[in-house]
C-alpha cells in the first residue's frame, strides 16, 4: 500500500513549532497524468542498462510502498525536525 500522508514537524526553542500534514495521495494525480512520459523514460533507461523494464517498474513500486512507516528525526543544536510517513 502506498503512503498517504506525511507529517513534518519543525521545532525551535525561540518560537512555537510548526506541524504540516502533507497529503501524499494528491501527488498521484500529476504522476498519473505524466505516466506515459515516465513509462517511456523507464523503458529507455532499462534498455540502455540491459535490464528487464517490468523488473525496474516493480523495484520502483516496492520502494514507494516501502516508505510507509518511515520516521526520520534530525536534531542540530536545539532545533529539531521530524518527518513521519503514514
N, C-alpha and C. Protein backbone atom coordinates (compact mmCIF):
# COMPACT_ATOMS: atom_id res chain seq x y z
N UNK A 1 0.84 -1.18 0.00
CA UNK A 1 0.00 0.00 0.00
C UNK A 1 0.89 1.24 0.00
N UNK A 2 0.51 2.21 -0.79
CA UNK A 2 1.31 3.43 -0.90
C UNK A 2 1.07 4.35 0.29
N UNK A 3 2.07 5.17 0.63
CA UNK A 3 1.89 6.12 1.73
C UNK A 3 0.88 7.19 1.35
N UNK A 4 0.08 7.64 2.32
CA UNK A 4 -0.96 8.62 2.04
C UNK A 4 -0.69 9.99 2.63
N UNK A 5 -0.03 10.05 3.78
CA UNK A 5 0.17 11.33 4.47
C UNK A 5 1.59 11.39 5.01
N UNK A 6 2.21 12.58 4.91
CA UNK A 6 3.50 12.84 5.54
C UNK A 6 3.30 13.95 6.56
N UNK A 7 3.87 13.76 7.73
CA UNK A 7 3.80 14.77 8.78
C UNK A 7 5.20 15.34 8.98
N UNK A 8 5.34 16.64 8.83
CA UNK A 8 6.62 17.32 9.02
C UNK A 8 6.45 18.24 10.23
N UNK A 9 7.28 18.03 11.25
CA UNK A 9 7.19 18.81 12.48
C UNK A 9 8.54 19.47 12.72
N UNK A 10 8.56 20.81 12.75
CA UNK A 10 9.78 21.57 12.96
C UNK A 10 9.68 22.26 14.32
N UNK A 11 10.69 22.06 15.17
CA UNK A 11 10.71 22.68 16.50
C UNK A 11 11.96 23.54 16.65
N UNK A 12 11.76 24.70 17.24
CA UNK A 12 12.84 25.64 17.51
C UNK A 12 12.59 26.20 18.90
N UNK A 13 13.63 26.37 19.74
CA UNK A 13 13.39 26.86 21.10
C UNK A 13 12.93 28.32 21.16
N UNK A 14 13.11 29.09 20.09
CA UNK A 14 12.76 30.50 20.11
C UNK A 14 11.34 30.80 19.65
N UNK A 15 10.69 29.86 18.99
CA UNK A 15 9.31 30.06 18.55
C UNK A 15 8.59 28.74 18.56
N UNK A 16 7.29 28.84 18.60
CA UNK A 16 6.46 27.64 18.64
C UNK A 16 6.65 26.84 17.36
N UNK A 17 6.76 25.55 17.49
CA UNK A 17 7.00 24.68 16.34
C UNK A 17 5.84 24.68 15.37
N UNK A 18 6.11 24.21 14.17
CA UNK A 18 5.09 24.12 13.14
C UNK A 18 4.94 22.65 12.74
N UNK A 19 3.73 22.23 12.54
CA UNK A 19 3.44 20.86 12.13
C UNK A 19 2.62 20.92 10.84
N UNK A 20 3.14 20.29 9.79
CA UNK A 20 2.48 20.27 8.49
C UNK A 20 2.02 18.86 8.17
N UNK A 21 0.78 18.72 7.77
CA UNK A 21 0.24 17.45 7.29
C UNK A 21 0.19 17.57 5.77
N UNK A 22 0.97 16.77 5.09
CA UNK A 22 1.05 16.83 3.63
C UNK A 22 0.35 15.61 3.04
N UNK A 23 -0.74 15.80 2.32
CA UNK A 23 -1.45 14.66 1.72
C UNK A 23 -0.70 14.16 0.48
N UNK A 24 -0.06 13.02 0.60
CA UNK A 24 0.73 12.47 -0.50
C UNK A 24 -0.14 11.90 -1.62
N UNK A 25 -1.38 11.54 -1.29
CA UNK A 25 -2.23 10.97 -2.33
C UNK A 25 -2.55 12.01 -3.42
N UNK A 26 -2.42 13.29 -3.11
CA UNK A 26 -2.63 14.31 -4.13
C UNK A 26 -1.50 14.35 -5.16
N UNK A 27 -0.35 13.81 -4.79
CA UNK A 27 0.77 13.75 -5.73
C UNK A 27 0.55 12.71 -6.82
N UNK A 28 -0.38 11.79 -6.57
CA UNK A 28 -0.63 10.75 -7.57
C UNK A 28 -1.35 11.30 -8.79
N UNK A 29 -2.05 12.42 -8.69
CA UNK A 29 -2.75 13.00 -9.85
C UNK A 29 -1.75 13.41 -10.93
N UNK A 30 -0.70 14.20 -10.60
CA UNK A 30 0.26 14.52 -11.66
C UNK A 30 1.05 13.30 -12.14
N UNK A 31 1.29 12.35 -11.26
CA UNK A 31 2.00 11.14 -11.67
C UNK A 31 1.18 10.37 -12.70
N UNK A 32 -0.11 10.27 -12.48
CA UNK A 32 -0.96 9.57 -13.44
C UNK A 32 -1.00 10.31 -14.78
N UNK A 33 -1.04 11.65 -14.73
CA UNK A 33 -1.05 12.42 -15.97
C UNK A 33 0.27 12.30 -16.72
N UNK A 34 1.37 12.19 -16.00
CA UNK A 34 2.68 12.09 -16.62
C UNK A 34 3.13 10.64 -16.85
N UNK A 35 2.28 9.68 -16.54
CA UNK A 35 2.68 8.27 -16.61
C UNK A 35 3.15 7.82 -17.99
N UNK A 36 2.57 8.28 -19.11
CA UNK A 36 3.13 7.85 -20.40
C UNK A 36 4.59 8.30 -20.58
N UNK A 37 4.89 9.52 -20.18
CA UNK A 37 6.26 10.02 -20.28
C UNK A 37 7.18 9.26 -19.33
N UNK A 38 6.72 9.03 -18.12
CA UNK A 38 7.52 8.29 -17.14
C UNK A 38 7.80 6.87 -17.64
N UNK A 39 6.80 6.24 -18.23
CA UNK A 39 6.97 4.89 -18.75
C UNK A 39 8.01 4.86 -19.88
N UNK A 40 7.99 5.85 -20.77
CA UNK A 40 8.98 5.91 -21.84
C UNK A 40 10.39 6.10 -21.29
N UNK A 41 10.53 6.93 -20.28
CA UNK A 41 11.85 7.14 -19.66
C UNK A 41 12.34 5.86 -19.00
N UNK A 42 11.46 5.18 -18.28
CA UNK A 42 11.84 3.92 -17.63
C UNK A 42 12.24 2.88 -18.66
N UNK A 43 11.48 2.77 -19.74
CA UNK A 43 11.82 1.82 -20.80
C UNK A 43 13.17 2.14 -21.44
N UNK A 44 13.42 3.42 -21.71
CA UNK A 44 14.68 3.81 -22.32
C UNK A 44 15.86 3.52 -21.39
N UNK A 45 15.68 3.80 -20.11
CA UNK A 45 16.76 3.53 -19.15
C UNK A 45 16.99 2.02 -18.99
N UNK A 46 15.92 1.25 -18.98
CA UNK A 46 16.04 -0.20 -18.84
C UNK A 46 16.74 -0.80 -20.06
N UNK A 47 16.40 -0.31 -21.24
CA UNK A 47 17.05 -0.82 -22.45
C UNK A 47 18.52 -0.41 -22.48
N UNK A 48 18.82 0.81 -22.06
CA UNK A 48 20.21 1.27 -22.04
C UNK A 48 21.06 0.47 -21.06
N UNK A 49 20.47 0.05 -19.96
CA UNK A 49 21.19 -0.73 -18.94
C UNK A 49 21.03 -2.23 -19.13
N UNK A 50 20.31 -2.62 -20.16
CA UNK A 50 20.04 -4.02 -20.47
C UNK A 50 19.36 -4.74 -19.30
N UNK A 51 18.32 -4.12 -18.78
CA UNK A 51 17.52 -4.69 -17.69
C UNK A 51 16.11 -4.93 -18.17
N UNK A 52 15.40 -5.78 -17.47
CA UNK A 52 14.00 -6.05 -17.77
C UNK A 52 13.16 -4.85 -17.31
N UNK A 53 12.43 -4.17 -18.21
CA UNK A 53 11.64 -3.00 -17.83
C UNK A 53 10.60 -3.30 -16.75
N UNK A 54 9.98 -4.48 -16.79
CA UNK A 54 8.99 -4.81 -15.77
C UNK A 54 9.64 -4.95 -14.39
N UNK A 55 10.87 -5.46 -14.37
CA UNK A 55 11.58 -5.58 -13.09
C UNK A 55 11.91 -4.20 -12.53
N UNK A 56 12.27 -3.27 -13.41
CA UNK A 56 12.58 -1.90 -12.98
C UNK A 56 11.33 -1.25 -12.37
N UNK A 57 10.19 -1.42 -13.03
CA UNK A 57 8.93 -0.85 -12.51
C UNK A 57 8.59 -1.49 -11.17
N UNK A 58 8.77 -2.80 -11.02
CA UNK A 58 8.48 -3.48 -9.76
C UNK A 58 9.38 -2.98 -8.64
N UNK A 59 10.66 -2.80 -8.93
CA UNK A 59 11.59 -2.29 -7.91
C UNK A 59 11.17 -0.89 -7.47
N UNK A 60 10.82 -0.02 -8.43
CA UNK A 60 10.38 1.33 -8.08
C UNK A 60 9.11 1.29 -7.23
N UNK A 61 8.16 0.46 -7.61
CA UNK A 61 6.91 0.35 -6.86
C UNK A 61 7.16 -0.16 -5.44
N UNK A 62 8.05 -1.13 -5.30
CA UNK A 62 8.39 -1.65 -3.98
C UNK A 62 9.04 -0.58 -3.10
N UNK A 63 9.86 0.28 -3.71
CA UNK A 63 10.48 1.36 -2.95
C UNK A 63 9.43 2.37 -2.47
N UNK A 64 8.49 2.72 -3.35
CA UNK A 64 7.43 3.67 -2.96
C UNK A 64 6.57 3.09 -1.84
N UNK A 65 6.20 1.82 -1.98
CA UNK A 65 5.37 1.18 -0.95
C UNK A 65 6.13 0.98 0.35
N UNK A 66 7.45 0.85 0.28
CA UNK A 66 8.26 0.66 1.47
C UNK A 66 8.45 1.93 2.29
N UNK A 67 8.05 3.07 1.76
CA UNK A 67 8.18 4.33 2.50
C UNK A 67 7.24 4.42 3.70
N UNK A 68 6.15 3.67 3.66
CA UNK A 68 5.17 3.72 4.74
C UNK A 68 5.84 3.30 6.05
N UNK A 69 5.64 4.11 7.08
CA UNK A 69 6.22 3.82 8.39
C UNK A 69 7.58 4.46 8.60
N UNK A 70 8.06 5.24 7.62
CA UNK A 70 9.36 5.89 7.76
C UNK A 70 9.26 6.99 8.80
N UNK A 71 10.27 7.05 9.67
CA UNK A 71 10.31 8.02 10.76
C UNK A 71 11.73 8.59 10.81
N UNK A 72 11.89 9.84 10.38
CA UNK A 72 13.21 10.48 10.32
C UNK A 72 13.23 11.61 11.33
N UNK A 73 14.24 11.58 12.21
CA UNK A 73 14.40 12.63 13.22
C UNK A 73 15.78 13.23 13.08
N UNK A 74 15.85 14.56 12.96
CA UNK A 74 17.12 15.26 12.82
C UNK A 74 17.16 16.33 13.89
N UNK A 75 18.28 16.38 14.63
CA UNK A 75 18.45 17.40 15.68
C UNK A 75 19.81 18.05 15.51
N UNK A 76 19.83 19.38 15.51
CA UNK A 76 21.06 20.14 15.45
C UNK A 76 20.92 21.31 16.41
N UNK A 77 21.88 21.45 17.31
CA UNK A 77 21.80 22.44 18.39
C UNK A 77 20.49 22.20 19.15
N UNK A 78 19.58 23.16 19.17
CA UNK A 78 18.28 22.93 19.83
C UNK A 78 17.14 22.85 18.84
N UNK A 79 17.46 22.80 17.56
CA UNK A 79 16.43 22.68 16.52
C UNK A 79 16.18 21.22 16.23
N UNK A 80 14.91 20.90 15.96
CA UNK A 80 14.54 19.51 15.64
C UNK A 80 13.59 19.49 14.46
N UNK A 81 13.77 18.46 13.63
CA UNK A 81 12.86 18.23 12.51
C UNK A 81 12.46 16.75 12.55
N UNK A 82 11.17 16.51 12.47
CA UNK A 82 10.64 15.16 12.47
C UNK A 82 9.80 14.98 11.20
N UNK A 83 10.08 13.90 10.45
CA UNK A 83 9.31 13.58 9.25
C UNK A 83 8.78 12.16 9.43
N UNK A 84 7.47 12.02 9.41
CA UNK A 84 6.83 10.71 9.51
C UNK A 84 5.96 10.51 8.30
N UNK A 85 6.05 9.31 7.71
CA UNK A 85 5.23 9.00 6.54
C UNK A 85 4.26 7.90 6.97
N UNK A 86 2.96 8.21 6.85
CA UNK A 86 1.92 7.27 7.28
C UNK A 86 1.28 6.61 6.08
